[in-house]
């Protein structure tokens, strides 16, 4: 119910204040270039997540501007930010785009039916769809699925997050990802438990290589 209220409130705010920056709040773009420029993390930083072969992230969630914009996107119905955040994901991949030229598909971390219904959308799916269109790498929906409901990760500590996500993903239509490279899209990486468990399910189903792609960690 709270998430639904947030989504409705976000849609109302987007009508009343359609061009207010999600970072600084000034009138103009939905996320101004000045704020975007302040969100980039050192591109040489490394993060290791079990079952992922590669991981790209734009910035860090501790960045106040980036976290504020991501919360508006994730919880308050500011779905227009999917276009801007997907641009950032494209920039991350561009230097190595040739590595994904063939035999690659894009997947999104799925949400449970209840969570998606309460919010009205899955932010990871919005990002994956936009990213796919901008890179011409095929987006394949309804392959990685949420096989059981889990408690929101935001309420749990590190070890609890690992147990919470265990065996929570499954793969349907395995032939669509068998022997393929996967670009797995999500908005935020915290402990890596969600991406790791999803990647494990995909590799067990026959995926050859999995690259994680997130806006913030």
N, C-alpha and C. Protein backbone atom coordinates (compact mmCIF):
# COMPACT_ATOMS: atom_id res chain seq x y z
N UNK A 1 0.82 -1.20 0.00
CA UNK A 1 0.00 0.00 0.00
C UNK A 1 0.87 1.26 0.00
N UNK A 2 1.94 1.25 0.82
CA UNK A 2 2.83 2.41 0.87
C UNK A 2 3.47 2.66 -0.48
N UNK A 3 3.92 1.56 -1.12
CA UNK A 3 4.56 1.70 -2.43
C UNK A 3 3.57 2.24 -3.46
N UNK A 4 2.32 1.79 -3.36
CA UNK A 4 1.30 2.26 -4.29
C UNK A 4 1.06 3.75 -4.10
N UNK A 5 1.00 4.18 -2.85
CA UNK A 5 0.82 5.60 -2.56
C UNK A 5 1.98 6.41 -3.13
N UNK A 6 3.20 5.88 -2.97
CA UNK A 6 4.38 6.57 -3.51
C UNK A 6 4.29 6.71 -5.02
N UNK A 7 3.86 5.63 -5.69
CA UNK A 7 3.76 5.65 -7.15
C UNK A 7 2.73 6.68 -7.61
N UNK A 8 1.56 6.68 -6.97
CA UNK A 8 0.51 7.63 -7.32
C UNK A 8 0.99 9.05 -7.06
N UNK A 9 1.64 9.25 -5.89
CA UNK A 9 2.15 10.58 -5.55
C UNK A 9 3.18 11.03 -6.57
N UNK A 10 4.04 10.10 -6.98
CA UNK A 10 5.06 10.44 -7.97
C UNK A 10 4.45 10.88 -9.28
N UNK A 11 3.39 10.20 -9.70
CA UNK A 11 2.73 10.56 -10.95
C UNK A 11 2.07 11.94 -10.85
N UNK A 12 1.50 12.23 -9.68
CA UNK A 12 0.90 13.54 -9.47
C UNK A 12 1.96 14.63 -9.51
N UNK A 13 3.09 14.37 -8.83
CA UNK A 13 4.18 15.34 -8.80
C UNK A 13 4.76 15.57 -10.19
N UNK A 14 4.80 14.51 -11.00
CA UNK A 14 5.35 14.65 -12.35
C UNK A 14 4.46 15.52 -13.23
N UNK A 15 3.17 15.58 -12.88
CA UNK A 15 2.25 16.45 -13.62
C UNK A 15 2.36 17.90 -13.14
N UNK A 16 2.52 18.05 -11.82
CA UNK A 16 2.61 19.39 -11.25
C UNK A 16 3.98 20.01 -11.51
N UNK A 17 5.03 19.19 -11.37
CA UNK A 17 6.41 19.67 -11.58
C UNK A 17 7.10 18.80 -12.63
N UNK A 18 6.69 18.91 -13.90
CA UNK A 18 7.18 17.99 -14.93
C UNK A 18 8.65 18.14 -15.28
N UNK A 19 9.28 19.28 -14.98
CA UNK A 19 10.66 19.50 -15.40
C UNK A 19 11.54 19.95 -14.24
N UNK A 20 11.43 19.26 -13.11
CA UNK A 20 12.25 19.59 -11.96
C UNK A 20 13.30 18.50 -11.78
N UNK A 21 14.55 18.91 -11.69
CA UNK A 21 15.67 17.97 -11.62
C UNK A 21 15.57 17.06 -10.40
N UNK A 22 15.73 15.75 -10.64
CA UNK A 22 15.67 14.78 -9.55
C UNK A 22 16.87 14.88 -8.62
N UNK A 23 17.92 15.55 -9.07
CA UNK A 23 19.11 15.69 -8.25
C UNK A 23 19.12 16.94 -7.40
N UNK A 24 18.98 18.10 -8.06
CA UNK A 24 19.09 19.38 -7.35
C UNK A 24 17.75 20.07 -7.14
N UNK A 25 16.71 19.62 -7.83
CA UNK A 25 15.38 20.20 -7.65
C UNK A 25 15.11 21.45 -8.44
N UNK A 26 16.08 21.89 -9.23
CA UNK A 26 15.87 23.11 -10.02
C UNK A 26 15.01 22.84 -11.24
N UNK A 27 14.29 23.87 -11.67
CA UNK A 27 13.48 23.74 -12.88
C UNK A 27 14.38 23.51 -14.09
N UNK A 28 13.90 22.71 -15.00
CA UNK A 28 14.67 22.41 -16.21
C UNK A 28 14.50 20.96 -16.60
N UNK A 29 15.58 20.22 -16.72
CA UNK A 29 15.52 18.82 -17.11
C UNK A 29 15.12 17.95 -15.92
N UNK A 30 14.64 16.74 -16.22
CA UNK A 30 14.25 15.81 -15.16
C UNK A 30 15.45 15.37 -14.34
N UNK A 31 16.64 15.37 -14.94
CA UNK A 31 17.90 15.11 -14.25
C UNK A 31 18.97 15.88 -15.02
N UNK A 32 19.35 17.02 -14.51
CA UNK A 32 20.18 17.93 -15.29
C UNK A 32 21.61 17.40 -15.49
N UNK A 33 22.24 17.88 -16.54
CA UNK A 33 23.58 17.40 -16.88
C UNK A 33 24.59 17.72 -15.79
N UNK A 34 24.41 18.84 -15.12
CA UNK A 34 25.32 19.21 -14.04
C UNK A 34 25.29 18.17 -12.92
N UNK A 35 24.08 17.73 -12.58
CA UNK A 35 23.95 16.70 -11.55
C UNK A 35 24.49 15.36 -12.03
N UNK A 36 24.20 15.00 -13.27
CA UNK A 36 24.70 13.74 -13.82
C UNK A 36 26.22 13.70 -13.76
N UNK A 37 26.85 14.82 -14.09
CA UNK A 37 28.32 14.88 -14.08
C UNK A 37 28.90 14.66 -12.69
N UNK A 38 28.10 14.89 -11.66
CA UNK A 38 28.58 14.72 -10.29
C UNK A 38 28.37 13.30 -9.75
N UNK A 39 27.79 12.42 -10.59
CA UNK A 39 27.45 11.08 -10.11
C UNK A 39 28.43 10.01 -10.56
N UNK A 40 29.36 10.33 -11.47
CA UNK A 40 30.24 9.30 -12.02
C UNK A 40 31.30 8.88 -11.02
N UNK A 41 31.41 7.58 -10.83
CA UNK A 41 32.44 7.00 -9.96
C UNK A 41 33.67 6.67 -10.80
N UNK A 42 34.83 6.63 -10.14
CA UNK A 42 36.06 6.22 -10.80
C UNK A 42 35.83 4.93 -11.60
N UNK A 43 35.97 4.96 -12.92
CA UNK A 43 35.65 3.79 -13.74
C UNK A 43 36.59 2.61 -13.51
N UNK A 44 37.70 2.82 -12.79
CA UNK A 44 38.65 1.73 -12.57
C UNK A 44 38.36 0.94 -11.30
N UNK A 45 37.34 1.36 -10.54
CA UNK A 45 37.02 0.62 -9.33
C UNK A 45 36.50 -0.77 -9.70
N UNK A 46 36.78 -1.76 -8.84
CA UNK A 46 36.40 -3.14 -9.14
C UNK A 46 35.47 -3.68 -8.07
N UNK A 47 34.50 -4.47 -8.51
CA UNK A 47 33.58 -5.12 -7.60
C UNK A 47 33.46 -6.56 -8.04
N UNK A 48 33.55 -7.50 -7.12
CA UNK A 48 33.46 -8.91 -7.45
C UNK A 48 32.14 -9.47 -6.94
N UNK A 49 31.36 -10.09 -7.83
CA UNK A 49 30.09 -10.71 -7.46
C UNK A 49 30.11 -12.14 -7.97
N UNK A 50 29.85 -13.07 -7.10
CA UNK A 50 29.87 -14.49 -7.44
C UNK A 50 28.93 -14.79 -8.61
N UNK A 51 29.41 -15.59 -9.56
CA UNK A 51 28.69 -16.04 -10.76
C UNK A 51 28.62 -14.99 -11.87
N UNK A 52 29.06 -13.76 -11.61
CA UNK A 52 29.16 -12.77 -12.68
C UNK A 52 30.56 -12.81 -13.27
N UNK A 53 30.63 -12.74 -14.61
CA UNK A 53 31.94 -12.70 -15.26
C UNK A 53 32.47 -11.28 -15.36
N UNK A 54 31.56 -10.31 -15.47
CA UNK A 54 31.93 -8.91 -15.54
C UNK A 54 30.87 -8.09 -14.82
N UNK A 55 31.26 -6.91 -14.39
CA UNK A 55 30.30 -6.03 -13.75
C UNK A 55 30.62 -4.58 -14.08
N UNK A 56 29.61 -3.86 -14.57
CA UNK A 56 29.76 -2.43 -14.86
C UNK A 56 28.81 -1.65 -13.95
N UNK A 57 29.31 -0.58 -13.34
CA UNK A 57 28.42 0.29 -12.57
C UNK A 57 28.79 1.74 -12.86
N UNK A 58 27.79 2.58 -12.89
CA UNK A 58 28.02 4.00 -13.22
C UNK A 58 28.57 4.76 -12.02
N UNK A 59 27.92 4.65 -10.87
CA UNK A 59 28.32 5.43 -9.72
C UNK A 59 28.10 4.67 -8.43
N UNK A 60 28.21 5.38 -7.31
CA UNK A 60 28.00 4.74 -6.01
C UNK A 60 26.74 5.31 -5.36
N UNK A 61 26.03 4.44 -4.66
CA UNK A 61 24.76 4.85 -4.07
C UNK A 61 24.94 5.86 -2.95
N UNK A 62 26.14 5.90 -2.37
CA UNK A 62 26.41 6.88 -1.31
C UNK A 62 26.44 8.31 -1.85
N UNK A 63 26.55 8.45 -3.17
CA UNK A 63 26.47 9.77 -3.78
C UNK A 63 25.05 10.30 -3.59
N UNK A 64 24.91 11.39 -2.86
CA UNK A 64 23.59 11.89 -2.48
C UNK A 64 22.71 12.23 -3.68
N UNK A 65 23.30 12.80 -4.71
CA UNK A 65 22.54 13.18 -5.90
C UNK A 65 22.02 11.94 -6.62
N UNK A 66 22.89 10.95 -6.79
CA UNK A 66 22.49 9.73 -7.50
C UNK A 66 21.46 8.94 -6.71
N UNK A 67 21.66 8.81 -5.41
CA UNK A 67 20.71 8.05 -4.59
C UNK A 67 19.34 8.71 -4.57
N UNK A 68 19.31 10.05 -4.54
CA UNK A 68 18.04 10.77 -4.54
C UNK A 68 17.28 10.51 -5.85
N UNK A 69 18.00 10.55 -6.95
CA UNK A 69 17.37 10.31 -8.25
C UNK A 69 16.89 8.87 -8.38
N UNK A 70 17.69 7.93 -7.89
CA UNK A 70 17.30 6.52 -7.97
C UNK A 70 16.09 6.22 -7.10
N UNK A 71 16.00 6.83 -5.95
CA UNK A 71 14.82 6.63 -5.10
C UNK A 71 13.57 7.17 -5.78
N UNK A 72 13.70 8.31 -6.43
CA UNK A 72 12.55 8.87 -7.14
C UNK A 72 12.12 7.94 -8.27
N UNK A 73 13.10 7.36 -8.93
CA UNK A 73 12.83 6.43 -10.03
C UNK A 73 12.20 5.14 -9.53
N UNK A 74 12.74 4.60 -8.45
CA UNK A 74 12.33 3.28 -7.96
C UNK A 74 11.02 3.29 -7.18
N UNK A 75 10.82 4.31 -6.36
CA UNK A 75 9.69 4.30 -5.44
C UNK A 75 8.60 5.33 -5.72
N UNK A 76 8.92 6.37 -6.48
CA UNK A 76 7.99 7.49 -6.61
C UNK A 76 7.47 7.71 -8.03
N UNK A 77 7.58 6.70 -8.86
CA UNK A 77 6.94 6.76 -10.17
C UNK A 77 7.57 7.66 -11.20
N UNK A 78 8.82 8.08 -11.00
CA UNK A 78 9.49 8.95 -11.98
C UNK A 78 10.11 8.10 -13.09
N UNK A 79 9.24 7.46 -13.88
CA UNK A 79 9.72 6.50 -14.87
C UNK A 79 10.45 7.18 -16.04
N UNK A 80 10.30 8.49 -16.17
CA UNK A 80 11.04 9.20 -17.21
C UNK A 80 12.55 9.12 -17.00
N UNK A 81 12.98 8.84 -15.76
CA UNK A 81 14.40 8.70 -15.49
C UNK A 81 15.01 7.46 -16.12
N UNK A 82 14.16 6.52 -16.54
CA UNK A 82 14.67 5.31 -17.21
C UNK A 82 15.44 5.68 -18.47
N UNK A 83 15.01 6.71 -19.16
CA UNK A 83 15.68 7.13 -20.39
C UNK A 83 17.08 7.66 -20.09
N UNK A 84 17.20 8.45 -19.02
CA UNK A 84 18.50 9.02 -18.66
C UNK A 84 19.42 7.95 -18.08
N UNK A 85 18.92 7.13 -17.18
CA UNK A 85 19.76 6.09 -16.58
C UNK A 85 20.21 5.07 -17.62
N UNK A 86 19.35 4.76 -18.58
CA UNK A 86 19.76 3.82 -19.64
C UNK A 86 20.85 4.42 -20.51
N UNK A 87 20.82 5.74 -20.70
CA UNK A 87 21.92 6.41 -21.42
C UNK A 87 23.25 6.18 -20.71
N UNK A 88 23.23 6.25 -19.38
CA UNK A 88 24.45 6.04 -18.60
C UNK A 88 24.94 4.60 -18.74
N UNK A 89 24.00 3.65 -18.78
CA UNK A 89 24.39 2.26 -18.95
C UNK A 89 25.00 2.01 -20.33
N UNK A 90 24.47 2.69 -21.33
CA UNK A 90 25.03 2.57 -22.68
C UNK A 90 26.46 3.10 -22.70
N UNK A 91 26.69 4.22 -22.03
CA UNK A 91 28.04 4.79 -21.99
C UNK A 91 29.03 3.83 -21.33
N UNK A 92 28.57 3.08 -20.34
CA UNK A 92 29.43 2.12 -19.68
C UNK A 92 29.88 1.01 -20.63
N UNK A 93 28.95 0.56 -21.46
CA UNK A 93 29.21 -0.57 -22.35
C UNK A 93 29.94 -0.16 -23.62
N UNK A 94 29.73 1.07 -24.07
CA UNK A 94 30.23 1.51 -25.38
C UNK A 94 31.69 1.16 -25.66
N UNK A 95 32.62 1.35 -24.73
CA UNK A 95 34.02 1.03 -25.04
C UNK A 95 34.26 -0.45 -25.37
N UNK A 96 33.36 -1.32 -24.90
CA UNK A 96 33.50 -2.75 -25.12
C UNK A 96 32.31 -3.35 -25.87
N UNK A 97 31.61 -2.51 -26.62
CA UNK A 97 30.39 -2.95 -27.29
C UNK A 97 30.63 -4.10 -28.25
N UNK A 98 31.82 -4.19 -28.82
CA UNK A 98 32.12 -5.28 -29.76
C UNK A 98 32.07 -6.65 -29.07
N UNK A 99 32.33 -6.66 -27.77
CA UNK A 99 32.28 -7.93 -27.03
C UNK A 99 30.86 -8.49 -26.97
N UNK A 100 29.88 -7.62 -27.21
CA UNK A 100 28.48 -8.04 -27.12
C UNK A 100 27.77 -7.98 -28.47
N UNK A 101 28.54 -7.95 -29.53
CA UNK A 101 27.96 -7.78 -30.87
C UNK A 101 27.17 -9.00 -31.31
N UNK A 102 27.58 -10.19 -30.87
CA UNK A 102 26.92 -11.41 -31.31
C UNK A 102 26.53 -12.29 -30.12
N UNK A 103 25.47 -13.03 -30.33
CA UNK A 103 25.06 -14.06 -29.37
C UNK A 103 24.84 -13.52 -27.96
N UNK A 104 24.30 -12.29 -27.88
CA UNK A 104 24.07 -11.66 -26.59
C UNK A 104 22.61 -11.24 -26.46
N UNK A 105 22.06 -11.40 -25.27
CA UNK A 105 20.71 -10.92 -24.98
C UNK A 105 20.71 -10.13 -23.68
N UNK A 106 19.74 -9.26 -23.54
CA UNK A 106 19.58 -8.43 -22.35
C UNK A 106 18.44 -8.97 -21.50
N UNK A 107 18.68 -9.11 -20.21
CA UNK A 107 17.65 -9.53 -19.26
C UNK A 107 17.58 -8.52 -18.12
N UNK A 108 16.46 -8.49 -17.46
CA UNK A 108 16.28 -7.61 -16.30
C UNK A 108 16.05 -8.45 -15.05
N UNK A 109 16.53 -7.97 -13.91
CA UNK A 109 16.20 -8.62 -12.64
C UNK A 109 14.69 -8.49 -12.45
N UNK A 110 13.98 -9.59 -12.31
CA UNK A 110 12.52 -9.51 -12.20
C UNK A 110 12.07 -9.12 -10.79
N UNK A 111 10.87 -8.60 -10.72
CA UNK A 111 10.23 -8.31 -9.44
C UNK A 111 9.10 -9.31 -9.24
N UNK A 112 8.72 -9.54 -8.01
CA UNK A 112 7.57 -10.40 -7.75
C UNK A 112 6.32 -9.74 -8.32
N UNK A 113 5.31 -10.53 -8.59
CA UNK A 113 4.06 -9.97 -9.12
C UNK A 113 3.46 -8.95 -8.17
N UNK A 114 3.52 -9.26 -6.87
CA UNK A 114 2.93 -8.35 -5.89
C UNK A 114 3.65 -7.01 -5.87
N UNK A 115 4.99 -7.06 -5.92
CA UNK A 115 5.76 -5.81 -5.87
C UNK A 115 5.56 -4.99 -7.14
N UNK A 116 5.55 -5.68 -8.27
CA UNK A 116 5.35 -4.96 -9.53
C UNK A 116 3.94 -4.35 -9.59
N UNK A 117 2.98 -5.07 -9.07
CA UNK A 117 1.61 -4.56 -9.07
C UNK A 117 1.49 -3.34 -8.16
N UNK A 118 2.14 -3.38 -7.00
CA UNK A 118 2.02 -2.27 -6.05
C UNK A 118 2.68 -1.01 -6.58
N UNK A 119 3.82 -1.17 -7.29
CA UNK A 119 4.52 -0.01 -7.83
C UNK A 119 3.95 0.42 -9.18
N UNK A 120 3.42 -0.55 -9.90
CA UNK A 120 2.91 -0.26 -11.23
C UNK A 120 3.94 -0.50 -12.33
N UNK A 121 5.16 -0.87 -11.96
CA UNK A 121 6.22 -1.11 -12.93
C UNK A 121 7.40 -1.77 -12.22
N UNK A 122 8.31 -2.33 -13.02
CA UNK A 122 9.58 -2.84 -12.51
C UNK A 122 10.67 -1.97 -13.12
N UNK A 123 11.38 -1.23 -12.29
CA UNK A 123 12.37 -0.27 -12.79
C UNK A 123 13.49 -0.95 -13.58
N UNK A 124 13.86 -2.18 -13.21
CA UNK A 124 14.91 -2.89 -13.94
C UNK A 124 14.46 -3.22 -15.36
N UNK A 125 13.20 -3.57 -15.52
CA UNK A 125 12.66 -3.86 -16.85
C UNK A 125 12.67 -2.61 -17.72
N UNK A 126 12.29 -1.48 -17.14
CA UNK A 126 12.30 -0.23 -17.90
C UNK A 126 13.71 0.08 -18.39
N UNK A 127 14.70 -0.10 -17.53
CA UNK A 127 16.09 0.15 -17.90
C UNK A 127 16.55 -0.80 -19.00
N UNK A 128 16.21 -2.08 -18.85
CA UNK A 128 16.64 -3.08 -19.82
C UNK A 128 16.02 -2.83 -21.20
N UNK A 129 14.75 -2.47 -21.21
CA UNK A 129 14.08 -2.20 -22.49
C UNK A 129 14.71 -1.00 -23.20
N UNK A 130 14.95 0.06 -22.46
CA UNK A 130 15.56 1.26 -23.05
C UNK A 130 16.98 0.95 -23.53
N UNK A 131 17.74 0.26 -22.70
CA UNK A 131 19.11 -0.09 -23.05
C UNK A 131 19.13 -0.94 -24.33
N UNK A 132 18.23 -1.88 -24.43
CA UNK A 132 18.15 -2.75 -25.60
C UNK A 132 17.90 -1.96 -26.88
N UNK A 133 16.96 -1.03 -26.82
CA UNK A 133 16.63 -0.23 -28.00
C UNK A 133 17.81 0.64 -28.44
N UNK A 134 18.57 1.15 -27.46
CA UNK A 134 19.68 2.06 -27.78
C UNK A 134 20.92 1.34 -28.27
N UNK A 135 21.04 0.05 -27.95
CA UNK A 135 22.22 -0.72 -28.36
C UNK A 135 21.92 -1.76 -29.44
N UNK A 136 20.62 -1.99 -29.70
CA UNK A 136 20.18 -3.02 -30.65
C UNK A 136 20.56 -4.43 -30.20
N UNK A 137 20.80 -4.60 -28.89
CA UNK A 137 21.00 -5.93 -28.31
C UNK A 137 19.64 -6.41 -27.82
N UNK A 138 19.23 -7.57 -28.25
CA UNK A 138 17.86 -8.04 -28.01
C UNK A 138 17.52 -8.16 -26.52
N UNK A 139 16.38 -7.61 -26.16
CA UNK A 139 15.85 -7.77 -24.81
C UNK A 139 14.90 -8.95 -24.80
N UNK A 140 15.10 -9.87 -23.85
CA UNK A 140 14.27 -11.07 -23.78
C UNK A 140 13.52 -11.07 -22.44
N UNK A 141 12.24 -10.72 -22.45
CA UNK A 141 11.47 -10.71 -21.20
C UNK A 141 10.96 -12.10 -20.84
N UNK A 142 10.54 -12.25 -19.60
CA UNK A 142 9.86 -13.46 -19.13
C UNK A 142 10.71 -14.73 -19.27
N UNK A 143 12.02 -14.59 -19.20
CA UNK A 143 12.91 -15.75 -19.17
C UNK A 143 13.43 -15.95 -17.75
N UNK A 144 14.00 -14.91 -17.19
CA UNK A 144 14.38 -14.95 -15.78
C UNK A 144 13.16 -14.54 -14.97
N UNK A 145 12.71 -15.41 -14.09
CA UNK A 145 11.48 -15.15 -13.35
C UNK A 145 11.73 -15.26 -11.84
N UNK A 146 10.89 -14.58 -11.09
CA UNK A 146 10.95 -14.66 -9.63
C UNK A 146 10.17 -15.90 -9.22
N UNK A 147 10.85 -16.89 -8.68
CA UNK A 147 10.21 -18.16 -8.39
C UNK A 147 9.57 -18.21 -7.01
N UNK A 148 9.96 -17.30 -6.15
CA UNK A 148 9.30 -17.19 -4.84
C UNK A 148 9.43 -15.75 -4.33
N UNK A 149 8.46 -15.35 -3.54
CA UNK A 149 8.47 -14.00 -2.99
C UNK A 149 9.54 -13.88 -1.91
N UNK A 150 10.17 -12.72 -1.84
CA UNK A 150 11.20 -12.46 -0.85
C UNK A 150 10.90 -11.16 -0.13
N UNK A 151 11.46 -11.02 1.05
CA UNK A 151 11.35 -9.77 1.81
C UNK A 151 12.20 -8.72 1.10
N UNK A 152 11.80 -7.45 1.17
CA UNK A 152 12.59 -6.39 0.57
C UNK A 152 14.00 -6.39 1.14
N UNK A 153 15.00 -6.33 0.24
CA UNK A 153 16.39 -6.37 0.67
C UNK A 153 16.77 -5.18 1.54
N UNK A 154 16.08 -4.07 1.38
CA UNK A 154 16.43 -2.85 2.12
C UNK A 154 16.28 -3.02 3.63
N UNK A 155 15.48 -4.00 4.05
CA UNK A 155 15.23 -4.19 5.48
C UNK A 155 16.18 -5.20 6.12
N UNK A 156 17.12 -5.75 5.32
CA UNK A 156 17.95 -6.85 5.81
C UNK A 156 19.43 -6.48 5.85
N UNK A 157 20.16 -7.18 6.72
CA UNK A 157 21.61 -7.04 6.80
C UNK A 157 22.26 -7.93 5.74
N UNK A 158 23.59 -7.82 5.60
CA UNK A 158 24.30 -8.51 4.53
C UNK A 158 24.04 -10.00 4.44
N UNK A 159 24.28 -10.77 5.53
CA UNK A 159 24.08 -12.21 5.49
C UNK A 159 22.62 -12.57 5.29
N UNK A 160 21.72 -11.80 5.88
CA UNK A 160 20.29 -12.05 5.70
C UNK A 160 19.89 -11.88 4.24
N UNK A 161 20.52 -10.94 3.54
CA UNK A 161 20.21 -10.72 2.12
C UNK A 161 20.55 -11.95 1.30
N UNK A 162 21.66 -12.61 1.64
CA UNK A 162 22.06 -13.81 0.90
C UNK A 162 21.03 -14.91 1.05
N UNK A 163 20.60 -15.17 2.29
CA UNK A 163 19.60 -16.21 2.53
C UNK A 163 18.25 -15.83 1.94
N UNK A 164 17.93 -14.56 1.96
CA UNK A 164 16.65 -14.08 1.44
C UNK A 164 16.51 -14.37 -0.06
N UNK A 165 17.61 -14.23 -0.80
CA UNK A 165 17.57 -14.40 -2.24
C UNK A 165 17.81 -15.83 -2.70
N UNK A 166 18.26 -16.69 -1.83
CA UNK A 166 18.61 -18.06 -2.22
C UNK A 166 17.43 -18.77 -2.88
N UNK A 167 17.69 -19.34 -4.05
CA UNK A 167 16.67 -20.09 -4.82
C UNK A 167 15.42 -19.27 -5.12
N UNK A 168 15.59 -17.97 -5.28
CA UNK A 168 14.42 -17.11 -5.54
C UNK A 168 14.22 -16.82 -7.02
N UNK A 169 15.12 -17.34 -7.88
CA UNK A 169 14.99 -17.12 -9.32
C UNK A 169 14.95 -18.45 -10.06
N UNK A 170 14.27 -18.44 -11.19
CA UNK A 170 14.21 -19.61 -12.06
C UNK A 170 14.26 -19.13 -13.51
N UNK A 171 14.52 -20.06 -14.41
CA UNK A 171 14.62 -19.72 -15.83
C UNK A 171 13.56 -20.47 -16.61
N UNK A 172 12.75 -19.74 -17.35
CA UNK A 172 11.77 -20.33 -18.27
C UNK A 172 12.32 -20.21 -19.69
N UNK A 173 11.90 -21.10 -20.57
CA UNK A 173 12.37 -21.07 -21.96
C UNK A 173 13.89 -21.04 -22.04
N UNK A 174 14.51 -22.05 -21.48
CA UNK A 174 15.96 -22.09 -21.37
C UNK A 174 16.66 -21.98 -22.72
N UNK A 175 15.99 -22.43 -23.78
CA UNK A 175 16.62 -22.38 -25.11
C UNK A 175 16.92 -20.95 -25.55
N UNK A 176 16.24 -19.98 -24.96
CA UNK A 176 16.47 -18.58 -25.35
C UNK A 176 17.78 -18.02 -24.80
N UNK A 177 18.33 -18.68 -23.79
CA UNK A 177 19.58 -18.17 -23.21
C UNK A 177 20.71 -19.19 -23.24
N UNK A 178 20.45 -20.38 -23.69
CA UNK A 178 21.48 -21.42 -23.69
C UNK A 178 22.64 -21.03 -24.59
N UNK A 179 23.86 -21.12 -24.06
CA UNK A 179 25.10 -20.79 -24.77
C UNK A 179 25.19 -19.32 -25.19
N UNK A 180 24.39 -18.48 -24.58
CA UNK A 180 24.42 -17.05 -24.93
C UNK A 180 25.11 -16.22 -23.84
N UNK A 181 25.59 -15.06 -24.27
CA UNK A 181 26.07 -14.07 -23.32
C UNK A 181 24.87 -13.28 -22.81
N UNK A 182 24.87 -13.00 -21.54
CA UNK A 182 23.75 -12.29 -20.92
C UNK A 182 24.25 -10.96 -20.35
N UNK A 183 23.51 -9.89 -20.65
CA UNK A 183 23.69 -8.62 -19.95
C UNK A 183 22.52 -8.51 -18.98
N UNK A 184 22.83 -8.56 -17.70
CA UNK A 184 21.81 -8.60 -16.66
C UNK A 184 21.70 -7.22 -16.01
N UNK A 185 20.54 -6.59 -16.16
CA UNK A 185 20.35 -5.18 -15.79
C UNK A 185 19.58 -5.05 -14.47
N UNK A 186 20.07 -4.16 -13.62
CA UNK A 186 19.35 -3.77 -12.40
C UNK A 186 19.69 -2.32 -12.10
N UNK A 187 18.96 -1.72 -11.16
CA UNK A 187 19.22 -0.33 -10.84
C UNK A 187 20.32 -0.16 -9.80
N UNK A 188 20.28 -0.96 -8.73
CA UNK A 188 21.21 -0.79 -7.61
C UNK A 188 21.79 -2.14 -7.18
N UNK A 189 23.09 -2.16 -6.90
CA UNK A 189 23.76 -3.31 -6.32
C UNK A 189 24.20 -2.93 -4.91
N UNK A 190 23.82 -3.75 -3.93
CA UNK A 190 24.25 -3.48 -2.56
C UNK A 190 25.27 -4.53 -2.15
N UNK A 191 24.81 -5.67 -1.67
CA UNK A 191 25.74 -6.75 -1.33
C UNK A 191 26.06 -7.62 -2.54
N UNK A 192 25.24 -7.53 -3.58
CA UNK A 192 25.41 -8.38 -4.75
C UNK A 192 24.62 -9.67 -4.68
N UNK A 193 23.86 -9.86 -3.60
CA UNK A 193 23.13 -11.11 -3.40
C UNK A 193 22.10 -11.37 -4.51
N UNK A 194 21.39 -10.34 -4.92
CA UNK A 194 20.35 -10.51 -5.95
C UNK A 194 20.97 -10.87 -7.30
N UNK A 195 21.96 -10.09 -7.73
CA UNK A 195 22.60 -10.38 -9.01
C UNK A 195 23.30 -11.73 -9.00
N UNK A 196 23.93 -12.08 -7.90
CA UNK A 196 24.63 -13.35 -7.81
C UNK A 196 23.68 -14.53 -7.93
N UNK A 197 22.57 -14.48 -7.23
CA UNK A 197 21.62 -15.58 -7.27
C UNK A 197 20.95 -15.69 -8.63
N UNK A 198 20.66 -14.55 -9.25
CA UNK A 198 20.08 -14.57 -10.60
C UNK A 198 21.08 -15.14 -11.60
N UNK A 199 22.33 -14.73 -11.48
CA UNK A 199 23.38 -15.23 -12.39
C UNK A 199 23.59 -16.73 -12.21
N UNK A 200 23.51 -17.20 -10.98
CA UNK A 200 23.65 -18.64 -10.74
C UNK A 200 22.56 -19.43 -11.47
N UNK A 201 21.32 -18.95 -11.37
CA UNK A 201 20.21 -19.63 -12.05
C UNK A 201 20.41 -19.63 -13.56
N UNK A 202 20.90 -18.53 -14.10
CA UNK A 202 21.11 -18.43 -15.55
C UNK A 202 22.24 -19.34 -16.02
N UNK A 203 23.30 -19.44 -15.25
CA UNK A 203 24.41 -20.32 -15.64
C UNK A 203 24.00 -21.79 -15.54
N UNK A 204 23.22 -22.12 -14.54
CA UNK A 204 22.74 -23.49 -14.42
C UNK A 204 21.82 -23.85 -15.58
N UNK A 205 21.17 -22.83 -16.18
CA UNK A 205 20.29 -23.04 -17.32
C UNK A 205 21.04 -23.02 -18.66
N UNK A 206 22.35 -22.77 -18.62
CA UNK A 206 23.14 -22.88 -19.84
C UNK A 206 23.73 -21.60 -20.39
N UNK A 207 23.55 -20.47 -19.72
CA UNK A 207 24.17 -19.22 -20.19
C UNK A 207 25.68 -19.35 -20.15
N UNK A 208 26.37 -18.81 -21.15
CA UNK A 208 27.81 -18.97 -21.25
C UNK A 208 28.59 -17.91 -20.50
N UNK A 209 28.05 -16.69 -20.43
CA UNK A 209 28.75 -15.58 -19.78
C UNK A 209 27.73 -14.57 -19.31
N UNK A 210 27.96 -14.00 -18.14
CA UNK A 210 26.99 -13.05 -17.60
C UNK A 210 27.69 -11.78 -17.15
N UNK A 211 27.19 -10.68 -17.67
CA UNK A 211 27.70 -9.35 -17.33
C UNK A 211 26.64 -8.59 -16.56
N UNK A 212 26.97 -8.14 -15.37
CA UNK A 212 26.06 -7.32 -14.59
C UNK A 212 26.18 -5.87 -14.99
N UNK A 213 25.06 -5.18 -15.08
CA UNK A 213 25.03 -3.79 -15.51
C UNK A 213 24.08 -3.02 -14.61
N UNK A 214 24.64 -2.12 -13.76
CA UNK A 214 23.80 -1.42 -12.79
C UNK A 214 24.15 0.07 -12.80
N UNK A 215 23.19 0.88 -12.36
CA UNK A 215 23.41 2.31 -12.28
C UNK A 215 24.31 2.64 -11.09
N UNK A 216 24.05 2.02 -9.93
CA UNK A 216 24.82 2.35 -8.74
C UNK A 216 25.10 1.12 -7.90
N UNK A 217 26.18 1.18 -7.16
CA UNK A 217 26.51 0.11 -6.22
C UNK A 217 26.73 0.71 -4.82
